[in-house]
Each structure stands twice: as C-alpha cells, then as structure tokens.
Amino acid sequence: MEAGKRPLSLITKYLNRNIRVTLKNDLMYEGTVVECDSFMNLVIEKAVEYQDNNKKAMYPRILIRGNNIMYIQLIPESIE
C-alpha cells in the first residue's frame, strides 16, 4: 500500500477534525480526534457516545483502543 494511502496517514492528516468512530461492540462515538498513535489508539475530545443511534453519554476526553475500532468516518463540516 502506498505510504500516503495508509489508514494511519489519513487519520493523522485529519487531527483536530470531527470524526465518527464505530466500535466492534456497536457503540459509536463522535468528537474531535486530537491524538493517534501507531496502534491506531485514538484520543477524542468532546466525545458523544451513541448506542442504537441514541445519545447515551458525553465525555470531555476519551481514549479508544485501536483494536476495538470497526469504522472511522470523517464528519463533514457544516457550510454556513
């Protein structure tokens, strides 16, 4: 895989942007990704937790272990 196309390269490119992370246990988090390491562990600020598309909790800062991640999506910025 080309160096610029690796998943980790894409995540680090979008630091400080809003993302949606779906975990293997079907929980979903939305927030601002502020850190990412070589194991794809993510630190997300202003995280909102969803279960079955219902808001469950809000956290100022969370750590998501990389091996629990199923999907990562970039949330488009709203146009004003």
PDB file of N, CA and C in Angstrom:
ATOM      1  N   MET A   1       0.849  -1.178   0.000  1.00  0.00           N
ATOM      2  CA  MET A   1       0.000   0.000   0.000  1.00  0.00           C
ATOM      3  C   MET A   1       0.890   1.235   0.000  1.00  0.00           C
ATOM      4  N   GLU A   2       0.544   2.173  -0.785  1.00  0.00           N
ATOM      5  CA  GLU A   2       1.281   3.424  -0.918  1.00  0.00           C
ATOM      6  C   GLU A   2       1.289   4.183   0.418  1.00  0.00           C
ATOM      7  N   ALA A   3       2.454   4.745   0.788  1.00  0.00           N
ATOM      8  CA  ALA A   3       2.620   5.378   2.102  1.00  0.00           C
ATOM      9  C   ALA A   3       1.564   6.435   2.396  1.00  0.00           C
ATOM     10  N   GLY A   4       1.216   7.248   1.428  1.00  0.00           N
ATOM     11  CA  GLY A   4       0.234   8.300   1.646  1.00  0.00           C
ATOM     12  C   GLY A   4      -1.191   7.796   1.766  1.00  0.00           C
ATOM     13  N   LYS A   5      -1.437   6.526   1.458  1.00  0.00           N
ATOM     14  CA  LYS A   5      -2.783   5.963   1.468  1.00  0.00           C
ATOM     15  C   LYS A   5      -3.036   5.059   2.671  1.00  0.00           C
ATOM     16  N   ARG A   6      -2.075   4.912   3.554  1.00  0.00           N
ATOM     17  CA  ARG A   6      -2.263   4.058   4.722  1.00  0.00           C
ATOM     18  C   ARG A   6      -3.297   4.691   5.649  1.00  0.00           C
ATOM     19  N   PRO A   7      -4.101   3.863   6.331  1.00  0.00           N
ATOM     20  CA  PRO A   7      -5.130   4.418   7.219  1.00  0.00           C
ATOM     21  C   PRO A   7      -4.567   5.367   8.278  1.00  0.00           C
ATOM     22  N   LEU A   8      -3.430   5.025   8.859  1.00  0.00           N
ATOM     23  CA  LEU A   8      -2.845   5.873   9.894  1.00  0.00           C
ATOM     24  C   LEU A   8      -2.475   7.247   9.344  1.00  0.00           C
ATOM     25  N   SER A   9      -1.971   7.286   8.118  1.00  0.00           N
ATOM     26  CA  SER A   9      -1.634   8.569   7.486  1.00  0.00           C
ATOM     27  C   SER A   9      -2.876   9.435   7.308  1.00  0.00           C
ATOM     28  N   LEU A  10      -3.983   8.808   6.968  1.00  0.00           N
ATOM     29  CA  LEU A  10      -5.227   9.561   6.787  1.00  0.00           C
ATOM     30  C   LEU A  10      -5.739  10.108   8.112  1.00  0.00           C
ATOM     31  N   ILE A  11      -5.640   9.304   9.165  1.00  0.00           N
ATOM     32  CA  ILE A  11      -6.119   9.762  10.470  1.00  0.00           C
ATOM     33  C   ILE A  11      -5.284  10.931  10.966  1.00  0.00           C
ATOM     34  N   THR A  12      -3.968  10.821  10.867  1.00  0.00           N
ATOM     35  CA  THR A  12      -3.116  11.919  11.345  1.00  0.00           C
ATOM     36  C   THR A  12      -3.327  13.180  10.504  1.00  0.00           C
ATOM     37  N   LYS A  13      -3.698  13.006   9.253  1.00  0.00           N
ATOM     38  CA  LYS A  13      -3.994  14.158   8.396  1.00  0.00           C
ATOM     39  C   LYS A  13      -5.215  14.927   8.905  1.00  0.00           C
ATOM     40  N   TYR A  14      -6.131  14.225   9.538  1.00  0.00           N
ATOM     41  CA  TYR A  14      -7.377  14.835   9.994  1.00  0.00           C
ATOM     42  C   TYR A  14      -7.420  15.072  11.499  1.00  0.00           C
ATOM     43  N   LEU A  15      -6.253  15.210  12.144  1.00  0.00           N
ATOM     44  CA  LEU A  15      -6.239  15.580  13.559  1.00  0.00           C
ATOM     45  C   LEU A  15      -6.941  16.921  13.736  1.00  0.00           C
ATOM     46  N   ASN A  16      -7.622  17.042  14.847  1.00  0.00           N
ATOM     47  CA  ASN A  16      -8.396  18.244  15.187  1.00  0.00           C
ATOM     48  C   ASN A  16      -9.623  18.447  14.302  1.00  0.00           C
ATOM     49  N   ARG A  17     -10.083  17.378  13.685  1.00  0.00           N
ATOM     50  CA  ARG A  17     -11.324  17.402  12.903  1.00  0.00           C
ATOM     51  C   ARG A  17     -12.337  16.487  13.587  1.00  0.00           C
ATOM     52  N   ASN A  18     -13.593  16.659  13.267  1.00  0.00           N
ATOM     53  CA  ASN A  18     -14.642  15.823  13.850  1.00  0.00           C
ATOM     54  C   ASN A  18     -14.733  14.498  13.108  1.00  0.00           C
ATOM     55  N   ILE A  19     -14.803  13.429  13.906  1.00  0.00           N
ATOM     56  CA  ILE A  19     -14.913  12.091  13.334  1.00  0.00           C
ATOM     57  C   ILE A  19     -16.017  11.313  14.040  1.00  0.00           C
ATOM     58  N   ARG A  20     -16.410  10.233  13.402  1.00  0.00           N
ATOM     59  CA  ARG A  20     -17.345   9.265  13.975  1.00  0.00           C
ATOM     60  C   ARG A  20     -16.621   7.921  13.991  1.00  0.00           C
ATOM     61  N   VAL A  21     -16.585   7.287  15.156  1.00  0.00           N
ATOM     62  CA  VAL A  21     -15.901   6.005  15.311  1.00  0.00           C
ATOM     63  C   VAL A  21     -16.931   4.969  15.726  1.00  0.00           C
ATOM     64  N   THR A  22     -17.049   3.888  14.959  1.00  0.00           N
ATOM     65  CA  THR A  22     -17.926   2.776  15.308  1.00  0.00           C
ATOM     66  C   THR A  22     -17.053   1.643  15.812  1.00  0.00           C
ATOM     67  N   LEU A  23     -17.416   1.110  16.976  1.00  0.00           N
ATOM     68  CA  LEU A  23     -16.639   0.038  17.585  1.00  0.00           C
ATOM     69  C   LEU A  23     -17.247  -1.325  17.269  1.00  0.00           C
ATOM     70  N   LYS A  24     -16.484  -2.359  17.533  1.00  0.00           N
ATOM     71  CA  LYS A  24     -16.934  -3.727  17.269  1.00  0.00           C
ATOM     72  C   LYS A  24     -18.138  -4.113  18.122  1.00  0.00           C
ATOM     73  N   ASN A  25     -18.330  -3.432  19.268  1.00  0.00           N
ATOM     74  CA  ASN A  25     -19.478  -3.732  20.126  1.00  0.00           C
ATOM     75  C   ASN A  25     -20.700  -2.877  19.773  1.00  0.00           C
ATOM     76  N   ASP A  26     -20.669  -2.220  18.607  1.00  0.00           N
ATOM     77  CA  ASP A  26     -21.754  -1.393  18.064  1.00  0.00           C
ATOM     78  C   ASP A  26     -21.956  -0.058  18.772  1.00  0.00           C
ATOM     79  N   LEU A  27     -21.078   0.312  19.706  1.00  0.00           N
ATOM     80  CA  LEU A  27     -21.118   1.669  20.243  1.00  0.00           C
ATOM     81  C   LEU A  27     -20.518   2.602  19.207  1.00  0.00           C
ATOM     82  N   MET A  28     -20.967   3.845  19.213  1.00  0.00           N
ATOM     83  CA  MET A  28     -20.450   4.827  18.269  1.00  0.00           C
ATOM     84  C   MET A  28     -20.098   6.090  19.052  1.00  0.00           C
ATOM     85  N   TYR A  29     -18.992   6.715  18.667  1.00  0.00           N
ATOM     86  CA  TYR A  29     -18.551   7.956  19.302  1.00  0.00           C
ATOM     87  C   TYR A  29     -18.339   9.009  18.233  1.00  0.00           C
ATOM     88  N   GLU A  30     -18.734  10.231  18.553  1.00  0.00           N
ATOM     89  CA  GLU A  30     -18.453  11.372  17.687  1.00  0.00           C
ATOM     90  C   GLU A  30     -17.719  12.407  18.515  1.00  0.00           C
ATOM     91  N   GLY A  31     -16.711  13.020  17.923  1.00  0.00           N
ATOM     92  CA  GLY A  31     -15.965  14.052  18.611  1.00  0.00           C
ATOM     93  C   GLY A  31     -14.763  14.472  17.794  1.00  0.00           C
ATOM     94  N   THR A  32     -13.882  15.241  18.428  1.00  0.00           N
ATOM     95  CA  THR A  32     -12.696  15.771  17.765  1.00  0.00           C
ATOM     96  C   THR A  32     -11.500  14.893  18.079  1.00  0.00           C
ATOM     97  N   VAL A  33     -10.892  14.311  17.053  1.00  0.00           N
ATOM     98  CA  VAL A  33      -9.715  13.466  17.275  1.00  0.00           C
ATOM     99  C   VAL A  33      -8.510  14.385  17.488  1.00  0.00           C
ATOM    100  N   VAL A  34      -7.820  14.192  18.623  1.00  0.00           N
ATOM    101  CA  VAL A  34      -6.688  15.061  18.954  1.00  0.00           C
ATOM    102  C   VAL A  34      -5.360  14.315  18.992  1.00  0.00           C
ATOM    103  N   GLU A  35      -5.405  12.993  19.106  1.00  0.00           N
ATOM    104  CA  GLU A  35      -4.174  12.206  19.103  1.00  0.00           C
ATOM    105  C   GLU A  35      -4.436  10.843  18.487  1.00  0.00           C
ATOM    106  N   CYS A  36      -3.378  10.287  17.885  1.00  0.00           N
ATOM    107  CA  CYS A  36      -3.425   8.954  17.295  1.00  0.00           C
ATOM    108  C   CYS A  36      -2.017   8.383  17.355  1.00  0.00           C
ATOM    109  N   ASP A  37      -1.890   7.110  17.745  1.00  0.00           N
ATOM    110  CA  ASP A  37      -0.559   6.506  17.781  1.00  0.00           C
ATOM    111  C   ASP A  37      -0.441   5.411  16.732  1.00  0.00           C
ATOM    112  N   SER A  38       0.694   4.718  16.727  1.00  0.00           N
ATOM    113  CA  SER A  38       0.961   3.709  15.696  1.00  0.00           C
ATOM    114  C   SER A  38       0.054   2.486  15.811  1.00  0.00           C
ATOM    115  N   PHE A  39      -0.630   2.307  16.944  1.00  0.00           N
ATOM    116  CA  PHE A  39      -1.580   1.203  17.113  1.00  0.00           C
ATOM    117  C   PHE A  39      -3.002   1.643  16.783  1.00  0.00           C
ATOM    118  N   MET A  40      -3.154   2.856  16.295  1.00  0.00           N
ATOM    119  CA  MET A  40      -4.421   3.483  15.951  1.00  0.00           C
ATOM    120  C   MET A  40      -5.312   3.719  17.175  1.00  0.00           C
ATOM    121  N   ASN A  41      -4.689   3.804  18.369  1.00  0.00           N
ATOM    122  CA  ASN A  41      -5.420   4.258  19.547  1.00  0.00           C
ATOM    123  C   ASN A  41      -5.744   5.728  19.327  1.00  0.00           C
ATOM    124  N   LEU A  42      -6.950   6.124  19.658  1.00  0.00           N
ATOM    125  CA  LEU A  42      -7.395   7.492  19.407  1.00  0.00           C
ATOM    126  C   LEU A  42      -7.764   8.192  20.705  1.00  0.00           C
ATOM    127  N   VAL A  43      -7.404   9.446  20.819  1.00  0.00           N
ATOM    128  CA  VAL A  43      -7.892  10.309  21.890  1.00  0.00           C
ATOM    129  C   VAL A  43      -8.875  11.269  21.238  1.00  0.00           C
ATOM    130  N   ILE A  44     -10.085  11.282  21.778  1.00  0.00           N
ATOM    131  CA  ILE A  44     -11.154  12.101  21.222  1.00  0.00           C
ATOM    132  C   ILE A  44     -11.668  13.039  22.305  1.00  0.00           C
ATOM    133  N   GLU A  45     -11.782  14.312  21.971  1.00  0.00           N
ATOM    134  CA  GLU A  45     -12.320  15.308  22.894  1.00  0.00           C
ATOM    135  C   GLU A  45     -13.758  15.636  22.522  1.00  0.00           C
ATOM    136  N   LYS A  46     -14.504  16.090  23.525  1.00  0.00           N
ATOM    137  CA  LYS A  46     -15.926  16.432  23.361  1.00  0.00           C
ATOM    138  C   LYS A  46     -16.669  15.264  22.722  1.00  0.00           C
ATOM    139  N   ALA A  47     -16.443  14.078  23.277  1.00  0.00           N
ATOM    140  CA  ALA A  47     -16.997  12.852  22.709  1.00  0.00           C
ATOM    141  C   ALA A  47     -18.445  12.642  23.136  1.00  0.00           C
ATOM    142  N   VAL A  48     -19.247  12.249  22.178  1.00  0.00           N
ATOM    143  CA  VAL A  48     -20.638  11.878  22.430  1.00  0.00           C
ATOM    144  C   VAL A  48     -20.760  10.400  22.103  1.00  0.00           C
ATOM    145  N   GLU A  49     -21.294   9.636  23.056  1.00  0.00           N
ATOM    146  CA  GLU A  49     -21.452   8.190  22.879  1.00  0.00           C
ATOM    147  C   GLU A  49     -22.883   7.889  22.451  1.00  0.00           C
ATOM    148  N   TYR A  50     -23.018   7.031  21.450  1.00  0.00           N
ATOM    149  CA  TYR A  50     -24.325   6.612  20.951  1.00  0.00           C
ATOM    150  C   TYR A  50     -24.433   5.095  21.018  1.00  0.00           C
ATOM    151  N   GLN A  51     -25.613   4.631  21.375  1.00  0.00           N
ATOM    152  CA  GLN A  51     -25.913   3.202  21.319  1.00  0.00           C
ATOM    153  C   GLN A  51     -27.261   3.067  20.627  1.00  0.00           C
ATOM    154  N   ASP A  52     -27.311   2.268  19.589  1.00  0.00           N
ATOM    155  CA  ASP A  52     -28.523   2.117  18.778  1.00  0.00           C
ATOM    156  C   ASP A  52     -29.037   3.477  18.291  1.00  0.00           C
ATOM    157  N   ASN A  53     -28.106   4.338  17.857  1.00  0.00           N
ATOM    158  CA  ASN A  53     -28.392   5.684  17.341  1.00  0.00           C
ATOM    159  C   ASN A  53     -29.041   6.622  18.357  1.00  0.00           C
ATOM    160  N   ASN A  54     -28.985   6.269  19.637  1.00  0.00           N
ATOM    161  CA  ASN A  54     -29.496   7.134  20.697  1.00  0.00           C
ATOM    162  C   ASN A  54     -28.327   7.658  21.520  1.00  0.00           C
ATOM    163  N   LYS A  55     -28.350   8.956  21.801  1.00  0.00           N
ATOM    164  CA  LYS A  55     -27.287   9.552  22.607  1.00  0.00           C
ATOM    165  C   LYS A  55     -27.321   8.936  23.997  1.00  0.00           C
ATOM    166  N   LYS A  56     -26.170   8.417  24.428  1.00  0.00           N
ATOM    167  CA  LYS A  56     -26.104   7.727  25.706  1.00  0.00           C
ATOM    168  C   LYS A  56     -25.340   8.536  26.753  1.00  0.00           C
ATOM    169  N   ALA A  57     -24.225   9.164  26.352  1.00  0.00           N
ATOM    170  CA  ALA A  57     -23.390   9.890  27.310  1.00  0.00           C
ATOM    171  C   ALA A  57     -22.501  10.884  26.578  1.00  0.00           C
ATOM    172  N   MET A  58     -21.959  11.824  27.353  1.00  0.00           N
ATOM    173  CA  MET A  58     -20.994  12.786  26.816  1.00  0.00           C
ATOM    174  C   MET A  58     -19.764  12.769  27.721  1.00  0.00           C
ATOM    175  N   TYR A  59     -18.577  12.865  27.102  1.00  0.00           N
ATOM    176  CA  TYR A  59     -17.318  12.828  27.839  1.00  0.00           C
ATOM    177  C   TYR A  59     -16.416  13.956  27.348  1.00  0.00           C
ATOM    178  N   PRO A  60     -15.682  14.598  28.257  1.00  0.00           N
ATOM    179  CA  PRO A  60     -14.770  15.654  27.812  1.00  0.00           C
ATOM    180  C   PRO A  60     -13.589  15.107  27.014  1.00  0.00           C
ATOM    181  N   ARG A  61     -13.134  13.879  27.354  1.00  0.00           N
ATOM    182  CA  ARG A  61     -11.973  13.295  26.671  1.00  0.00           C
ATOM    183  C   ARG A  61     -12.001  11.781  26.872  1.00  0.00           C
ATOM    184  N   ILE A  62     -11.837  11.030  25.789  1.00  0.00           N
ATOM    185  CA  ILE A  62     -11.808   9.570  25.901  1.00  0.00           C
ATOM    186  C   ILE A  62     -10.636   9.000  25.105  1.00  0.00           C
ATOM    187  N   LEU A  63     -10.261   7.785  25.458  1.00  0.00           N
ATOM    188  CA  LEU A  63      -9.258   7.018  24.723  1.00  0.00           C
ATOM    189  C   LEU A  63      -9.952   5.790  24.167  1.00  0.00           C
ATOM    190  N   ILE A  64      -9.815   5.570  22.869  1.00  0.00           N
ATOM    191  CA  ILE A  64     -10.373   4.379  22.229  1.00  0.00           C
ATOM    192  C   ILE A  64      -9.216   3.519  21.762  1.00  0.00           C
ATOM    193  N   ARG A  65      -9.207   2.288  22.213  1.00  0.00           N
ATOM    194  CA  ARG A  65      -8.151   1.357  21.823  1.00  0.00           C
ATOM    195  C   ARG A  65      -8.348   0.949  20.363  1.00  0.00           C
ATOM    196  N   GLY A  66      -7.275   1.003  19.608  1.00  0.00           N
ATOM    197  CA  GLY A  66      -7.332   0.781  18.169  1.00  0.00           C
ATOM    198  C   GLY A  66      -7.914  -0.549  17.739  1.00  0.00           C
ATOM    199  N   ASN A  67      -7.663  -1.622  18.519  1.00  0.00           N
ATOM    200  CA  ASN A  67      -8.157  -2.928  18.073  1.00  0.00           C
ATOM    201  C   ASN A  67      -9.658  -3.106  18.299  1.00  0.00           C
ATOM    202  N   ASN A  68     -10.322  -2.126  18.906  1.00  0.00           N
ATOM    203  CA  ASN A  68     -11.776  -2.165  19.067  1.00  0.00           C
ATOM    204  C   ASN A  68     -12.515  -1.427  17.957  1.00  0.00           C
ATOM    205  N   ILE A  69     -11.778  -0.764  17.083  1.00  0.00           N
ATOM    206  CA  ILE A  69     -12.388   0.081  16.057  1.00  0.00           C
ATOM    207  C   ILE A  69     -12.792  -0.741  14.835  1.00  0.00           C
ATOM    208  N   MET A  70     -14.049  -0.539  14.402  1.00  0.00           N
ATOM    209  CA  MET A  70     -14.513  -1.172  13.176  1.00  0.00           C
ATOM    210  C   MET A  70     -14.481  -0.166  12.022  1.00  0.00           C
ATOM    211  N   TYR A  71     -14.999   1.064  12.241  1.00  0.00           N
ATOM    212  CA  TYR A  71     -15.041   2.095  11.203  1.00  0.00           C
ATOM    213  C   TYR A  71     -14.628   3.439  11.784  1.00  0.00           C
ATOM    214  N   ILE A  72     -14.029   4.258  10.942  1.00  0.00           N
ATOM    215  CA  ILE A  72     -13.777   5.659  11.271  1.00  0.00           C
ATOM    216  C   ILE A  72     -14.279   6.487  10.097  1.00  0.00           C
ATOM    217  N   GLN A  73     -15.109   7.483  10.382  1.00  0.00           N
ATOM    218  CA  GLN A  73     -15.646   8.351   9.339  1.00  0.00           C
ATOM    219  C   GLN A  73     -15.336   9.801   9.678  1.00  0.00           C
ATOM    220  N   LEU A  74     -14.976  10.560   8.690  1.00  0.00           N
ATOM    221  CA  LEU A  74     -14.801  11.995   8.848  1.00  0.00           C
ATOM    222  C   LEU A  74     -16.177  12.638   8.746  1.00  0.00           C
ATOM    223  N   ILE A  75     -16.513  13.491   9.701  1.00  0.00           N
ATOM    224  CA  ILE A  75     -17.799  14.182   9.673  1.00  0.00           C
ATOM    225  C   ILE A  75     -17.608  15.479   8.897  1.00  0.00           C
ATOM    226  N   PRO A  76     -18.342  15.664   7.809  1.00  0.00           N
ATOM    227  CA  PRO A  76     -18.192  16.892   7.017  1.00  0.00           C
ATOM    228  C   PRO A  76     -18.518  18.123   7.851  1.00  0.00           C
ATOM    229  N   GLU A  77     -17.738  19.179   7.658  1.00  0.00           N
ATOM    230  CA  GLU A  77     -18.004  20.433   8.356  1.00  0.00           C
ATOM    231  C   GLU A  77     -19.221  21.087   7.728  1.00  0.00           C
ATOM    232  N   SER A  78     -20.068  21.655   8.574  1.00  0.00           N
ATOM    233  CA  SER A  78     -21.267  22.300   8.037  1.00  0.00           C
ATOM    234  C   SER A  78     -20.879  23.592   7.326  1.00  0.00           C
ATOM    235  N   ILE A  79     -21.578  23.874   6.266  1.00  0.00           N
ATOM    236  CA  ILE A  79     -21.331  25.080   5.480  1.00  0.00           C
ATOM    237  C   ILE A  79     -22.298  26.150   5.960  1.00  0.00           C
ATOM    238  N   GLU A  80     -21.748  27.276   6.375  1.00  0.00           N
ATOM    239  CA  GLU A  80     -22.612  28.354   6.879  1.00  0.00           C
ATOM    240  C   GLU A  80     -22.542  29.548   5.981  1.00  0.00           C
TER     241      GLU A  80
END
